[in-house]
Amino acid sequence: MSEYPRISARAARVNAGMTLEQASKKIGINRGTLIKYEKGDTVPDWDVAEKMGDIYNFPTQYIFFGKKSV
């Protein structure tokens, strides 16, 4: 069993102590795009997902992106 639970993209951001504005700026995407990822309306490509994991200090493979997943 993994030491990490699967968590939502929003939970990963919140656990990292970041606002939507802070996270989107560090990831290099606009706020609206990040909202779509967090709601599961859209799935990020792997490069963006990895960047999110790095910025949130959480393994990318355990971040869940809504209805669909990377």
N, C-alpha and C. Protein backbone atom coordinates (compact mmCIF):
# COMPACT_ATOMS: atom_id res chain seq x y z
N MET A 1 0.84 -1.19 0.00
CA MET A 1 0.00 0.00 0.00
C MET A 1 0.88 1.25 0.00
N SER A 2 0.43 2.26 -0.69
CA SER A 2 1.18 3.50 -0.83
C SER A 2 1.11 4.34 0.44
N GLU A 3 2.13 5.14 0.64
CA GLU A 3 2.11 6.06 1.78
C GLU A 3 1.29 7.32 1.46
N TYR A 4 0.87 7.45 0.21
CA TYR A 4 0.09 8.61 -0.21
C TYR A 4 -1.33 8.19 -0.58
N PRO A 5 -2.32 8.96 -0.15
CA PRO A 5 -3.69 8.72 -0.61
C PRO A 5 -3.87 9.40 -1.97
N ARG A 6 -4.87 9.01 -2.71
CA ARG A 6 -5.23 9.76 -3.92
C ARG A 6 -6.06 10.94 -3.45
N ILE A 7 -5.67 12.13 -3.88
CA ILE A 7 -6.42 13.32 -3.51
C ILE A 7 -6.75 14.12 -4.76
N SER A 8 -7.73 14.98 -4.64
CA SER A 8 -8.13 15.81 -5.78
C SER A 8 -7.09 16.89 -6.03
N ALA A 9 -7.11 17.42 -7.23
CA ALA A 9 -6.20 18.50 -7.58
C ALA A 9 -6.44 19.71 -6.66
N ARG A 10 -7.70 19.96 -6.34
CA ARG A 10 -8.01 21.08 -5.44
C ARG A 10 -7.43 20.83 -4.06
N ALA A 11 -7.60 19.60 -3.54
CA ALA A 11 -7.07 19.27 -2.22
C ALA A 11 -5.55 19.39 -2.19
N ALA A 12 -4.90 18.97 -3.26
CA ALA A 12 -3.44 19.09 -3.33
C ALA A 12 -3.02 20.56 -3.24
N ARG A 13 -3.75 21.42 -3.97
CA ARG A 13 -3.43 22.86 -3.94
C ARG A 13 -3.68 23.45 -2.56
N VAL A 14 -4.83 23.14 -1.98
CA VAL A 14 -5.17 23.67 -0.67
C VAL A 14 -4.18 23.18 0.39
N ASN A 15 -3.83 21.89 0.33
CA ASN A 15 -2.85 21.34 1.28
C ASN A 15 -1.49 22.00 1.15
N ALA A 16 -1.18 22.50 -0.05
CA ALA A 16 0.07 23.21 -0.28
C ALA A 16 -0.02 24.67 0.19
N GLY A 17 -1.22 25.08 0.62
CA GLY A 17 -1.40 26.44 1.14
C GLY A 17 -1.45 27.51 0.07
N MET A 18 -1.91 27.13 -1.13
CA MET A 18 -1.92 28.08 -2.25
C MET A 18 -3.34 28.46 -2.65
N THR A 19 -3.48 29.70 -3.07
CA THR A 19 -4.73 30.15 -3.66
C THR A 19 -4.72 29.76 -5.14
N LEU A 20 -5.88 29.87 -5.78
CA LEU A 20 -5.94 29.62 -7.23
C LEU A 20 -4.98 30.53 -7.98
N GLU A 21 -4.93 31.79 -7.58
CA GLU A 21 -4.07 32.75 -8.25
C GLU A 21 -2.60 32.39 -8.10
N GLN A 22 -2.19 32.05 -6.89
CA GLN A 22 -0.79 31.70 -6.66
C GLN A 22 -0.39 30.46 -7.45
N ALA A 23 -1.23 29.43 -7.37
CA ALA A 23 -0.92 28.17 -8.05
C ALA A 23 -0.89 28.34 -9.56
N SER A 24 -1.89 29.01 -10.11
CA SER A 24 -1.93 29.16 -11.58
C SER A 24 -0.71 29.94 -12.08
N LYS A 25 -0.28 30.93 -11.32
CA LYS A 25 0.89 31.71 -11.71
C LYS A 25 2.15 30.83 -11.69
N LYS A 26 2.32 30.02 -10.65
CA LYS A 26 3.50 29.15 -10.55
C LYS A 26 3.48 28.05 -11.60
N ILE A 27 2.30 27.55 -11.93
CA ILE A 27 2.18 26.50 -12.94
C ILE A 27 2.36 27.07 -14.34
N GLY A 28 1.97 28.34 -14.51
CA GLY A 28 2.10 28.99 -15.82
C GLY A 28 0.86 28.84 -16.68
N ILE A 29 -0.29 28.74 -16.01
CA ILE A 29 -1.58 28.65 -16.71
C ILE A 29 -2.50 29.72 -16.14
N ASN A 30 -3.61 29.98 -16.83
CA ASN A 30 -4.51 30.98 -16.26
C ASN A 30 -5.42 30.35 -15.21
N ARG A 31 -5.98 31.19 -14.39
CA ARG A 31 -6.82 30.76 -13.26
C ARG A 31 -8.00 29.92 -13.73
N GLY A 32 -8.63 30.33 -14.82
CA GLY A 32 -9.78 29.60 -15.36
C GLY A 32 -9.44 28.18 -15.76
N THR A 33 -8.26 28.00 -16.33
CA THR A 33 -7.81 26.66 -16.71
C THR A 33 -7.62 25.79 -15.48
N LEU A 34 -7.02 26.35 -14.44
CA LEU A 34 -6.83 25.59 -13.20
C LEU A 34 -8.17 25.20 -12.60
N ILE A 35 -9.12 26.10 -12.63
CA ILE A 35 -10.46 25.78 -12.13
C ILE A 35 -11.05 24.60 -12.90
N LYS A 36 -10.89 24.59 -14.22
CA LYS A 36 -11.40 23.48 -15.04
C LYS A 36 -10.73 22.17 -14.67
N TYR A 37 -9.42 22.20 -14.40
CA TYR A 37 -8.72 20.99 -13.98
C TYR A 37 -9.27 20.50 -12.64
N GLU A 38 -9.46 21.43 -11.71
CA GLU A 38 -9.93 21.06 -10.38
C GLU A 38 -11.37 20.53 -10.39
N LYS A 39 -12.19 21.04 -11.29
CA LYS A 39 -13.58 20.59 -11.39
C LYS A 39 -13.72 19.31 -12.21
N GLY A 40 -12.66 18.93 -12.91
CA GLY A 40 -12.70 17.74 -13.73
C GLY A 40 -13.32 17.97 -15.10
N ASP A 41 -13.49 19.24 -15.48
CA ASP A 41 -14.04 19.56 -16.80
C ASP A 41 -13.03 19.27 -17.89
N THR A 42 -11.75 19.37 -17.54
CA THR A 42 -10.64 19.19 -18.46
C THR A 42 -9.52 18.49 -17.70
N VAL A 43 -8.71 17.75 -18.40
CA VAL A 43 -7.57 17.05 -17.79
C VAL A 43 -6.29 17.68 -18.32
N PRO A 44 -5.35 18.01 -17.44
CA PRO A 44 -4.09 18.59 -17.92
C PRO A 44 -3.25 17.56 -18.65
N ASP A 45 -2.39 18.04 -19.55
CA ASP A 45 -1.46 17.11 -20.16
C ASP A 45 -0.43 16.72 -19.09
N TRP A 46 0.34 15.68 -19.37
CA TRP A 46 1.22 15.12 -18.34
C TRP A 46 2.24 16.15 -17.85
N ASP A 47 2.78 16.99 -18.73
CA ASP A 47 3.77 17.99 -18.31
C ASP A 47 3.19 18.95 -17.29
N VAL A 48 1.96 19.41 -17.53
CA VAL A 48 1.30 20.32 -16.59
C VAL A 48 0.99 19.59 -15.28
N ALA A 49 0.51 18.37 -15.38
CA ALA A 49 0.20 17.59 -14.18
C ALA A 49 1.46 17.39 -13.33
N GLU A 50 2.58 17.09 -13.97
CA GLU A 50 3.84 16.94 -13.23
C GLU A 50 4.26 18.23 -12.55
N LYS A 51 4.07 19.34 -13.25
CA LYS A 51 4.41 20.64 -12.67
C LYS A 51 3.53 20.91 -11.44
N MET A 52 2.26 20.54 -11.55
CA MET A 52 1.36 20.71 -10.40
C MET A 52 1.85 19.88 -9.22
N GLY A 53 2.23 18.63 -9.48
CA GLY A 53 2.75 17.79 -8.41
C GLY A 53 4.00 18.38 -7.76
N ASP A 54 4.89 18.90 -8.59
CA ASP A 54 6.11 19.52 -8.07
C ASP A 54 5.79 20.74 -7.21
N ILE A 55 4.93 21.60 -7.71
CA ILE A 55 4.59 22.82 -7.00
C ILE A 55 3.83 22.53 -5.70
N TYR A 56 2.95 21.52 -5.76
CA TYR A 56 2.17 21.14 -4.58
C TYR A 56 2.93 20.22 -3.64
N ASN A 57 4.14 19.80 -4.06
CA ASN A 57 4.96 18.90 -3.27
C ASN A 57 4.19 17.61 -2.94
N PHE A 58 3.57 17.05 -3.98
CA PHE A 58 2.77 15.83 -3.83
C PHE A 58 2.97 15.00 -5.10
N PRO A 59 3.16 13.69 -4.99
CA PRO A 59 3.40 12.88 -6.19
C PRO A 59 2.25 12.98 -7.19
N THR A 60 2.59 13.30 -8.42
CA THR A 60 1.60 13.51 -9.48
C THR A 60 0.68 12.31 -9.65
N GLN A 61 1.21 11.11 -9.56
CA GLN A 61 0.39 9.93 -9.80
C GLN A 61 -0.71 9.73 -8.76
N TYR A 62 -0.67 10.48 -7.67
CA TYR A 62 -1.70 10.37 -6.64
C TYR A 62 -2.69 11.54 -6.66
N ILE A 63 -2.52 12.45 -7.62
CA ILE A 63 -3.47 13.57 -7.76
C ILE A 63 -4.56 13.15 -8.72
N PHE A 64 -5.79 13.28 -8.29
CA PHE A 64 -6.95 12.90 -9.08
C PHE A 64 -7.52 14.15 -9.74
N PHE A 65 -7.74 14.08 -11.04
CA PHE A 65 -8.23 15.23 -11.80
C PHE A 65 -9.70 15.05 -12.19
N GLY A 66 -10.56 14.94 -11.22
CA GLY A 66 -12.00 14.89 -11.47
C GLY A 66 -12.48 13.64 -12.15
N LYS A 67 -13.42 13.81 -13.08
CA LYS A 67 -14.07 12.70 -13.75
C LYS A 67 -13.11 11.85 -14.56
N LYS A 68 -12.08 12.50 -15.08
CA LYS A 68 -11.07 11.82 -15.88
C LYS A 68 -9.74 11.93 -15.15
N SER A 69 -8.81 11.12 -15.50
CA SER A 69 -7.52 11.22 -14.84
C SER A 69 -6.40 11.09 -15.86
N VAL A 70 -5.25 11.63 -15.50
CA VAL A 70 -4.09 11.60 -16.38
C VAL A 70 -3.57 10.19 -16.46
